[in-house]
Amino acid sequence: MTILQSWEVLAVLLAIAYLVLAIRQNIWCWAAAAVSTLLYLYIMYEARLYMESALQLFYLAMAGYGWQQWRHGGEGGAELPVSSWPLKLHGLAIGVVLAMVYVSGELLTRYSDAALPFLDSLTTWGAVVATFMVTRKILENWIYWFVIDAVSIGLYLNRELYFTAVLFAVYLVMIVFGYRSWRASMREGGS
């Protein structure tokens, strides 16, 4: 096993810890996310997935924001409850993602040696929106993540990031549990 693969295994374990804790709405998910993110910043850069690498910087910032929001983002500074977005807002979010995919995909194609620039852009911009949704405890984040992670599996297999591809396959199963758990929490009226 190479050093890069060892870092990838550690990043995978921390990413699984993040998702398990997020499903349980445990604020410590954001600490696991921060450390995993730092590892993936390097891993994705080495794999020439530059948008995915840049995404890790966003994830790092969102780990801090998510911690703050989950602790004090609710009404009157209370813990944030699970909520839902209206369809109109989903349409806007998806439209913005597709526009950004086109722009960044074109830029990466013309000005870099990026591998799979449009797929890399799709998973990155989709993840930006989905991550923001997680920080605000928006139920539908799980649906976005299912689509993003399914596409990501092919991306990572192409770049020979096998441990990460397996992680994302595991995520697909965990996402179903996350959605059900958060939906039940929302129906109960709180976290």
C-alpha atoms as a PDB file:
ATOM      1  CA  MET A   1       0.000   0.000   0.000  1.00  0.00           C
ATOM      2  CA  THR A   2       1.366   3.418  -0.953  1.00  0.00           C
ATOM      3  CA  ILE A   3       1.460   6.383   1.408  1.00  0.00           C
ATOM      4  CA  LEU A   4      -1.306   8.045  -0.611  1.00  0.00           C
ATOM      5  CA  GLN A   5      -3.478   4.940  -0.234  1.00  0.00           C
ATOM      6  CA  SER A   6      -2.830   4.930   3.527  1.00  0.00           C
ATOM      7  CA  TRP A   7      -3.993   8.543   3.746  1.00  0.00           C
ATOM      8  CA  GLU A   8      -7.003   7.607   1.624  1.00  0.00           C
ATOM      9  CA  VAL A   9      -7.960   4.778   4.018  1.00  0.00           C
ATOM     10  CA  LEU A  10      -7.760   7.171   6.984  1.00  0.00           C
ATOM     11  CA  ALA A  11      -9.814   9.774   5.110  1.00  0.00           C
ATOM     12  CA  VAL A  12     -12.423   7.106   4.290  1.00  0.00           C
ATOM     13  CA  LEU A  13     -12.724   6.037   7.941  1.00  0.00           C
ATOM     14  CA  LEU A  14     -13.151   9.630   9.073  1.00  0.00           C
ATOM     15  CA  ALA A  15     -15.690  10.268   6.307  1.00  0.00           C
ATOM     16  CA  ILE A  16     -17.732   7.270   7.467  1.00  0.00           C
ATOM     17  CA  ALA A  17     -17.560   8.590  11.032  1.00  0.00           C
ATOM     18  CA  TYR A  18     -18.808  11.946   9.718  1.00  0.00           C
ATOM     19  CA  LEU A  19     -21.806  10.400   7.995  1.00  0.00           C
ATOM     20  CA  VAL A  20     -22.756   8.139  10.914  1.00  0.00           C
ATOM     21  CA  LEU A  21     -22.652  11.145  13.229  1.00  0.00           C
ATOM     22  CA  ALA A  22     -24.558  13.337  10.734  1.00  0.00           C
ATOM     23  CA  ILE A  23     -27.311  10.724  10.430  1.00  0.00           C
ATOM     24  CA  ARG A  24     -27.630  10.863  14.218  1.00  0.00           C
ATOM     25  CA  GLN A  25     -27.560  14.672  14.090  1.00  0.00           C
ATOM     26  CA  ASN A  26     -24.495  14.618  16.346  1.00  0.00           C
ATOM     27  CA  ILE A  27     -22.567  17.893  16.153  1.00  0.00           C
ATOM     28  CA  TRP A  28     -19.228  16.025  16.297  1.00  0.00           C
ATOM     29  CA  CYS A  29     -19.793  15.036  12.675  1.00  0.00           C
ATOM     30  CA  TRP A  30     -18.288  18.406  11.764  1.00  0.00           C
ATOM     31  CA  ALA A  31     -14.975  17.621  13.526  1.00  0.00           C
ATOM     32  CA  ALA A  32     -14.669  14.299  11.665  1.00  0.00           C
ATOM     33  CA  ALA A  33     -15.513  16.136   8.445  1.00  0.00           C
ATOM     34  CA  ALA A  34     -12.781  18.725   9.011  1.00  0.00           C
ATOM     35  CA  VAL A  35      -9.996  16.163   9.432  1.00  0.00           C
ATOM     36  CA  SER A  36     -11.200  13.979   6.555  1.00  0.00           C
ATOM     37  CA  THR A  37     -11.396  17.098   4.403  1.00  0.00           C
ATOM     38  CA  LEU A  38      -7.780  18.035   5.041  1.00  0.00           C
ATOM     39  CA  LEU A  39      -6.677  14.585   3.918  1.00  0.00           C
ATOM     40  CA  TYR A  40      -8.880  14.630   0.825  1.00  0.00           C
ATOM     41  CA  LEU A  41      -7.587  18.070  -0.161  1.00  0.00           C
ATOM     42  CA  TYR A  42      -4.211  16.470  -0.842  1.00  0.00           C
ATOM     43  CA  ILE A  43      -5.570  13.183  -2.226  1.00  0.00           C
ATOM     44  CA  MET A  44      -7.802  14.852  -4.825  1.00  0.00           C
ATOM     45  CA  TYR A  45      -5.037  17.202  -5.913  1.00  0.00           C
ATOM     46  CA  GLU A  46      -2.716  14.248  -6.466  1.00  0.00           C
ATOM     47  CA  ALA A  47      -5.454  12.560  -8.544  1.00  0.00           C
ATOM     48  CA  ARG A  48      -5.753  15.716 -10.721  1.00  0.00           C
ATOM     49  CA  LEU A  49      -9.370  16.204  -9.660  1.00  0.00           C
ATOM     50  CA  TYR A  50      -8.871  19.914  -9.120  1.00  0.00           C
ATOM     51  CA  MET A  51     -12.504  20.824  -8.559  1.00  0.00           C
ATOM     52  CA  GLU A  52     -12.786  18.044  -5.978  1.00  0.00           C
ATOM     53  CA  SER A  53      -9.594  19.326  -4.358  1.00  0.00           C
ATOM     54  CA  ALA A  54     -10.935  22.889  -4.238  1.00  0.00           C
ATOM     55  CA  LEU A  55     -14.193  21.523  -2.862  1.00  0.00           C
ATOM     56  CA  GLN A  56     -12.289  20.340   0.199  1.00  0.00           C
ATOM     57  CA  LEU A  57     -11.528  23.973   1.103  1.00  0.00           C
ATOM     58  CA  PHE A  58     -15.252  24.690   0.962  1.00  0.00           C
ATOM     59  CA  TYR A  59     -15.945  21.600   3.103  1.00  0.00           C
ATOM     60  CA  LEU A  60     -13.467  22.832   5.687  1.00  0.00           C
ATOM     61  CA  ALA A  61     -15.242  26.183   5.940  1.00  0.00           C
ATOM     62  CA  MET A  62     -18.616  24.422   6.031  1.00  0.00           C
ATOM     63  CA  ALA A  63     -17.445  22.210   8.903  1.00  0.00           C
ATOM     64  CA  GLY A  64     -17.037  25.335  11.025  1.00  0.00           C
ATOM     65  CA  TYR A  65     -20.291  26.844   9.773  1.00  0.00           C
ATOM     66  CA  GLY A  66     -22.155  23.561  10.253  1.00  0.00           C
ATOM     67  CA  TRP A  67     -20.948  23.277  13.843  1.00  0.00           C
ATOM     68  CA  GLN A  68     -22.170  26.800  14.573  1.00  0.00           C
ATOM     69  CA  GLN A  69     -25.504  26.321  12.794  1.00  0.00           C
ATOM     70  CA  TRP A  70     -26.302  23.004  14.411  1.00  0.00           C
ATOM     71  CA  ARG A  71     -25.528  24.400  17.846  1.00  0.00           C
ATOM     72  CA  HIS A  72     -27.142  27.852  17.593  1.00  0.00           C
ATOM     73  CA  GLY A  73     -28.853  28.186  14.182  1.00  0.00           C
ATOM     74  CA  GLY A  74     -32.402  27.537  15.339  1.00  0.00           C
ATOM     75  CA  GLU A  75     -34.979  30.034  16.474  1.00  0.00           C
ATOM     76  CA  GLY A  76     -33.693  32.156  19.340  1.00  0.00           C
ATOM     77  CA  GLY A  77     -30.258  30.518  19.163  1.00  0.00           C
ATOM     78  CA  ALA A  78     -31.670  27.057  19.880  1.00  0.00           C
ATOM     79  CA  GLU A  79     -30.510  23.838  18.246  1.00  0.00           C
ATOM     80  CA  LEU A  80     -31.437  23.755  14.563  1.00  0.00           C
ATOM     81  CA  PRO A  81     -34.383  21.472  13.639  1.00  0.00           C
ATOM     82  CA  VAL A  82     -34.715  19.481  10.401  1.00  0.00           C
ATOM     83  CA  SER A  83     -36.745  21.340   7.758  1.00  0.00           C
ATOM     84  CA  SER A  84     -37.598  21.152   4.052  1.00  0.00           C
ATOM     85  CA  TRP A  85     -37.146  23.411   1.021  1.00  0.00           C
ATOM     86  CA  PRO A  86     -40.010  24.297  -1.350  1.00  0.00           C
ATOM     87  CA  LEU A  87     -39.789  22.908  -4.917  1.00  0.00           C
ATOM     88  CA  LYS A  88     -39.106  26.381  -6.315  1.00  0.00           C
ATOM     89  CA  LEU A  89     -35.906  26.627  -4.275  1.00  0.00           C
ATOM     90  CA  HIS A  90     -34.792  23.177  -5.458  1.00  0.00           C
ATOM     91  CA  GLY A  91     -35.340  24.264  -9.072  1.00  0.00           C
ATOM     92  CA  LEU A  92     -33.207  27.353  -8.499  1.00  0.00           C
ATOM     93  CA  ALA A  93     -30.455  25.344  -6.788  1.00  0.00           C
ATOM     94  CA  ILE A  94     -30.311  22.768  -9.587  1.00  0.00           C
ATOM     95  CA  GLY A  95     -30.263  25.503 -12.238  1.00  0.00           C
ATOM     96  CA  VAL A  96     -27.342  27.240 -10.539  1.00  0.00           C
ATOM     97  CA  VAL A  97     -25.462  23.929 -10.253  1.00  0.00           C
ATOM     98  CA  LEU A  98     -25.900  23.182 -13.966  1.00  0.00           C
ATOM     99  CA  ALA A  99     -24.775  26.688 -14.967  1.00  0.00           C
ATOM    100  CA  MET A 100     -21.674  26.422 -12.780  1.00  0.00           C
ATOM    101  CA  VAL A 101     -20.910  22.947 -14.172  1.00  0.00           C
ATOM    102  CA  TYR A 102     -20.919  24.339 -17.695  1.00  0.00           C
ATOM    103  CA  VAL A 103     -18.673  27.302 -16.838  1.00  0.00           C
ATOM    104  CA  SER A 104     -16.133  25.418 -14.729  1.00  0.00           C
ATOM    105  CA  GLY A 105     -16.153  22.393 -17.056  1.00  0.00           C
ATOM    106  CA  GLU A 106     -15.313  24.615 -20.015  1.00  0.00           C
ATOM    107  CA  LEU A 107     -12.592  26.457 -18.086  1.00  0.00           C
ATOM    108  CA  LEU A 108     -11.001  23.233 -16.888  1.00  0.00           C
ATOM    109  CA  THR A 109     -11.138  21.751 -20.393  1.00  0.00           C
ATOM    110  CA  ARG A 110      -9.409  24.753 -21.936  1.00  0.00           C
ATOM    111  CA  TYR A 111      -6.916  25.743 -19.261  1.00  0.00           C
ATOM    112  CA  SER A 112      -5.899  22.660 -17.289  1.00  0.00           C
ATOM    113  CA  ASP A 113      -4.963  19.018 -17.485  1.00  0.00           C
ATOM    114  CA  ALA A 114      -7.982  18.111 -15.352  1.00  0.00           C
ATOM    115  CA  ALA A 115      -9.295  14.585 -15.578  1.00  0.00           C
ATOM    116  CA  LEU A 116     -13.023  14.420 -16.445  1.00  0.00           C
ATOM    117  CA  PRO A 117     -13.648  18.169 -16.059  1.00  0.00           C
ATOM    118  CA  PHE A 118     -17.438  18.103 -16.471  1.00  0.00           C
ATOM    119  CA  LEU A 119     -18.050  15.168 -14.124  1.00  0.00           C
ATOM    120  CA  ASP A 120     -15.597  16.673 -11.649  1.00  0.00           C
ATOM    121  CA  SER A 121     -17.515  19.954 -11.875  1.00  0.00           C
ATOM    122  CA  LEU A 122     -20.915  18.262 -11.519  1.00  0.00           C
ATOM    123  CA  THR A 123     -19.997  16.428  -8.344  1.00  0.00           C
ATOM    124  CA  THR A 124     -18.283  19.519  -6.959  1.00  0.00           C
ATOM    125  CA  TRP A 125     -21.062  22.051  -7.534  1.00  0.00           C
ATOM    126  CA  GLY A 126     -23.720  19.555  -6.502  1.00  0.00           C
ATOM    127  CA  ALA A 127     -21.776  18.943  -3.311  1.00  0.00           C
ATOM    128  CA  VAL A 128     -21.537  22.680  -2.609  1.00  0.00           C
ATOM    129  CA  VAL A 129     -25.328  22.946  -2.595  1.00  0.00           C
ATOM    130  CA  ALA A 130     -25.859  19.671  -0.730  1.00  0.00           C
ATOM    131  CA  THR A 131     -23.298  20.584   1.937  1.00  0.00           C
ATOM    132  CA  PHE A 132     -24.993  23.923   2.551  1.00  0.00           C
ATOM    133  CA  MET A 133     -28.261  21.999   2.901  1.00  0.00           C
ATOM    134  CA  VAL A 134     -26.694  19.719   5.530  1.00  0.00           C
ATOM    135  CA  THR A 135     -25.457  22.725   7.530  1.00  0.00           C
ATOM    136  CA  ARG A 136     -29.048  24.008   7.596  1.00  0.00           C
ATOM    137  CA  LYS A 137     -30.503  20.514   8.260  1.00  0.00           C
ATOM    138  CA  ILE A 138     -32.549  20.510   5.043  1.00  0.00           C
ATOM    139  CA  LEU A 139     -34.097  17.037   4.655  1.00  0.00           C
ATOM    140  CA  GLU A 140     -33.652  16.802   0.884  1.00  0.00           C
ATOM    141  CA  ASN A 141     -29.856  17.010   1.181  1.00  0.00           C
ATOM    142  CA  TRP A 142     -29.942  13.216   1.315  1.00  0.00           C
ATOM    143  CA  ILE A 143     -31.551  13.010  -2.146  1.00  0.00           C
ATOM    144  CA  TYR A 144     -28.948  15.368  -3.612  1.00  0.00           C
ATOM    145  CA  TRP A 145     -26.180  13.324  -2.012  1.00  0.00           C
ATOM    146  CA  PHE A 146     -27.543  10.079  -3.443  1.00  0.00           C
ATOM    147  CA  VAL A 147     -27.255  11.434  -6.984  1.00  0.00           C
ATOM    148  CA  ILE A 148     -23.869  13.083  -6.377  1.00  0.00           C
ATOM    149  CA  ASP A 149     -22.379  10.009  -4.727  1.00  0.00           C
ATOM    150  CA  ALA A 150     -23.643   7.657  -7.446  1.00  0.00           C
ATOM    151  CA  VAL A 151     -21.897   9.796 -10.087  1.00  0.00           C
ATOM    152  CA  SER A 152     -18.802  10.113  -7.882  1.00  0.00           C
ATOM    153  CA  ILE A 153     -18.282   6.351  -7.784  1.00  0.00           C
ATOM    154  CA  GLY A 154     -17.550   6.310 -11.517  1.00  0.00           C
ATOM    155  CA  LEU A 155     -15.331   9.368 -11.208  1.00  0.00           C
ATOM    156  CA  TYR A 156     -13.225   7.793  -8.462  1.00  0.00           C
ATOM    157  CA  LEU A 157     -12.971   4.422 -10.198  1.00  0.00           C
ATOM    158  CA  ASN A 158     -11.677   6.219 -13.282  1.00  0.00           C
ATOM    159  CA  ARG A 159      -8.953   7.886 -11.191  1.00  0.00           C
ATOM    160  CA  GLU A 160      -8.092   4.613  -9.399  1.00  0.00           C
ATOM    161  CA  LEU A 161      -9.254   5.902  -6.020  1.00  0.00           C
ATOM    162  CA  TYR A 162     -10.697   2.516  -5.136  1.00  0.00           C
ATOM    163  CA  PHE A 163     -11.096   3.017  -1.388  1.00  0.00           C
ATOM    164  CA  THR A 164     -12.966   6.247  -1.998  1.00  0.00           C
ATOM    165  CA  ALA A 165     -15.195   4.567  -4.598  1.00  0.00           C
ATOM    166  CA  VAL A 166     -16.089   1.911  -2.014  1.00  0.00           C
ATOM    167  CA  LEU A 167     -16.744   4.674   0.532  1.00  0.00           C
ATOM    168  CA  PHE A 168     -19.234   6.285  -1.823  1.00  0.00           C
ATOM    169  CA  ALA A 169     -20.948   2.941  -2.451  1.00  0.00           C
ATOM    170  CA  VAL A 170     -21.315   2.584   1.334  1.00  0.00           C
ATOM    171  CA  TYR A 171     -22.618   6.161   1.422  1.00  0.00           C
ATOM    172  CA  LEU A 172     -25.427   5.216  -0.971  1.00  0.00           C
ATOM    173  CA  VAL A 173     -26.734   2.723   1.587  1.00  0.00           C
ATOM    174  CA  MET A 174     -26.199   5.055   4.544  1.00  0.00           C
ATOM    175  CA  ILE A 175     -27.997   7.885   2.759  1.00  0.00           C
ATOM    176  CA  VAL A 176     -31.241   5.897   2.816  1.00  0.00           C
ATOM    177  CA  PHE A 177     -30.966   5.587   6.597  1.00  0.00           C
ATOM    178  CA  GLY A 178     -30.061   9.261   6.911  1.00  0.00           C
ATOM    179  CA  TYR A 179     -33.106  10.343   4.945  1.00  0.00           C
ATOM    180  CA  ARG A 180     -35.437   8.148   7.003  1.00  0.00           C
ATOM    181  CA  SER A 181     -33.941   9.312  10.289  1.00  0.00           C
ATOM    182  CA  TRP A 182     -34.130  13.007   9.429  1.00  0.00           C
ATOM    183  CA  ARG A 183     -37.649  12.656   8.005  1.00  0.00           C
ATOM    184  CA  ALA A 184     -38.800  11.038  11.264  1.00  0.00           C
ATOM    185  CA  SER A 185     -37.126  13.837  13.215  1.00  0.00           C
ATOM    186  CA  MET A 186     -38.839  16.477  11.082  1.00  0.00           C
ATOM    187  CA  ARG A 187     -42.235  14.808  11.555  1.00  0.00           C
ATOM    188  CA  GLU A 188     -41.686  14.760  15.314  1.00  0.00           C
ATOM    189  CA  GLY A 189     -41.075  18.495  15.127  1.00  0.00           C
ATOM    190  CA  GLY A 190     -37.445  18.674  16.100  1.00  0.00           C
ATOM    191  CA  SER A 191     -34.014  17.141  16.228  1.00  0.00           C
END
